[in-house]
């Protein structure tokens, strides 16, 4: 005989598994690595510092 399965729990597990798979796919497609985020933040900070350095005092 087959094992008794709670359908409500089985549906929830299947939904979680599908959501996780979709999230992993989206992360691979659209996500950025930590190194890329850190590089972009450093570039933005440097650009802001350079811009502020060119300001004239009244």
C-alpha atoms as a PDB file:
ATOM      1  CA  UNK A   1       0.000   0.000   0.000  1.00  0.00           C
ATOM      2  CA  UNK A   2       1.010   3.563  -0.544  1.00  0.00           C
ATOM      3  CA  UNK A   3       2.051   5.902   2.207  1.00  0.00           C
ATOM      4  CA  UNK A   4      -0.602   8.299   3.503  1.00  0.00           C
ATOM      5  CA  UNK A   5       0.202  11.871   2.503  1.00  0.00           C
ATOM      6  CA  UNK A   6      -1.331  15.071   3.799  1.00  0.00           C
ATOM      7  CA  UNK A   7      -2.254  16.865   0.570  1.00  0.00           C
ATOM      8  CA  UNK A   8      -2.262  20.317   2.153  1.00  0.00           C
ATOM      9  CA  UNK A   9       1.335  19.908   3.290  1.00  0.00           C
ATOM     10  CA  UNK A  10       2.364  18.349  -0.010  1.00  0.00           C
ATOM     11  CA  UNK A  11       0.911  21.304  -1.937  1.00  0.00           C
ATOM     12  CA  UNK A  12       2.686  23.778   0.342  1.00  0.00           C
ATOM     13  CA  UNK A  13       6.008  21.975  -0.101  1.00  0.00           C
ATOM     14  CA  UNK A  14       5.573  21.900  -3.872  1.00  0.00           C
ATOM     15  CA  UNK A  15       4.750  25.616  -3.911  1.00  0.00           C
ATOM     16  CA  UNK A  16       7.819  26.409  -1.782  1.00  0.00           C
ATOM     17  CA  UNK A  17      10.024  24.336  -4.063  1.00  0.00           C
ATOM     18  CA  UNK A  18       8.682  26.090  -7.175  1.00  0.00           C
ATOM     19  CA  UNK A  19       9.092  29.533  -5.595  1.00  0.00           C
ATOM     20  CA  UNK A  20      12.677  28.719  -4.582  1.00  0.00           C
ATOM     21  CA  UNK A  21      13.488  27.516  -8.106  1.00  0.00           C
ATOM     22  CA  UNK A  22      12.051  30.705  -9.604  1.00  0.00           C
ATOM     23  CA  UNK A  23      13.984  32.837  -7.110  1.00  0.00           C
ATOM     24  CA  UNK A  24      17.236  31.057  -7.926  1.00  0.00           C
ATOM     25  CA  UNK A  25      16.598  31.530 -11.640  1.00  0.00           C
ATOM     26  CA  UNK A  26      15.910  35.252 -11.165  1.00  0.00           C
ATOM     27  CA  UNK A  27      18.989  35.662  -8.979  1.00  0.00           C
ATOM     28  CA  UNK A  28      21.150  34.083 -11.654  1.00  0.00           C
ATOM     29  CA  UNK A  29      19.595  36.196 -14.391  1.00  0.00           C
ATOM     30  CA  UNK A  30      19.316  39.606 -12.716  1.00  0.00           C
ATOM     31  CA  UNK A  31      21.409  39.447  -9.562  1.00  0.00           C
ATOM     32  CA  UNK A  32      24.824  40.934  -9.048  1.00  0.00           C
ATOM     33  CA  UNK A  33      27.660  39.442  -7.071  1.00  0.00           C
ATOM     34  CA  UNK A  34      28.842  41.068  -3.867  1.00  0.00           C
ATOM     35  CA  UNK A  35      32.053  42.114  -5.609  1.00  0.00           C
ATOM     36  CA  UNK A  36      30.069  43.901  -8.312  1.00  0.00           C
ATOM     37  CA  UNK A  37      27.916  45.706  -5.706  1.00  0.00           C
ATOM     38  CA  UNK A  38      31.002  46.756  -3.729  1.00  0.00           C
ATOM     39  CA  UNK A  39      32.760  47.984  -6.873  1.00  0.00           C
ATOM     40  CA  UNK A  40      29.742  50.050  -7.914  1.00  0.00           C
ATOM     41  CA  UNK A  41      29.445  51.556  -4.419  1.00  0.00           C
ATOM     42  CA  UNK A  42      33.148  52.467  -4.439  1.00  0.00           C
ATOM     43  CA  UNK A  43      32.821  54.062  -7.882  1.00  0.00           C
ATOM     44  CA  UNK A  44      29.802  56.070  -6.761  1.00  0.00           C
ATOM     45  CA  UNK A  45      31.591  57.269  -3.617  1.00  0.00           C
ATOM     46  CA  UNK A  46      34.667  58.282  -5.600  1.00  0.00           C
ATOM     47  CA  UNK A  47      32.564  60.159  -8.143  1.00  0.00           C
ATOM     48  CA  UNK A  48      30.799  62.048  -5.343  1.00  0.00           C
ATOM     49  CA  UNK A  49      34.134  62.917  -3.678  1.00  0.00           C
ATOM     50  CA  UNK A  50      35.607  64.098  -6.981  1.00  0.00           C
ATOM     51  CA  UNK A  51      32.536  66.206  -7.688  1.00  0.00           C
ATOM     52  CA  UNK A  52      32.626  67.762  -4.227  1.00  0.00           C
ATOM     53  CA  UNK A  53      36.358  68.465  -4.582  1.00  0.00           C
ATOM     54  CA  UNK A  54      35.685  70.725  -7.565  1.00  0.00           C
ATOM     55  CA  UNK A  55      33.240  72.961  -5.723  1.00  0.00           C
ATOM     56  CA  UNK A  56      34.329  76.508  -5.150  1.00  0.00           C
ATOM     57  CA  UNK A  57      34.026  78.241  -1.796  1.00  0.00           C
ATOM     58  CA  UNK A  58      32.192  81.596  -1.910  1.00  0.00           C
END
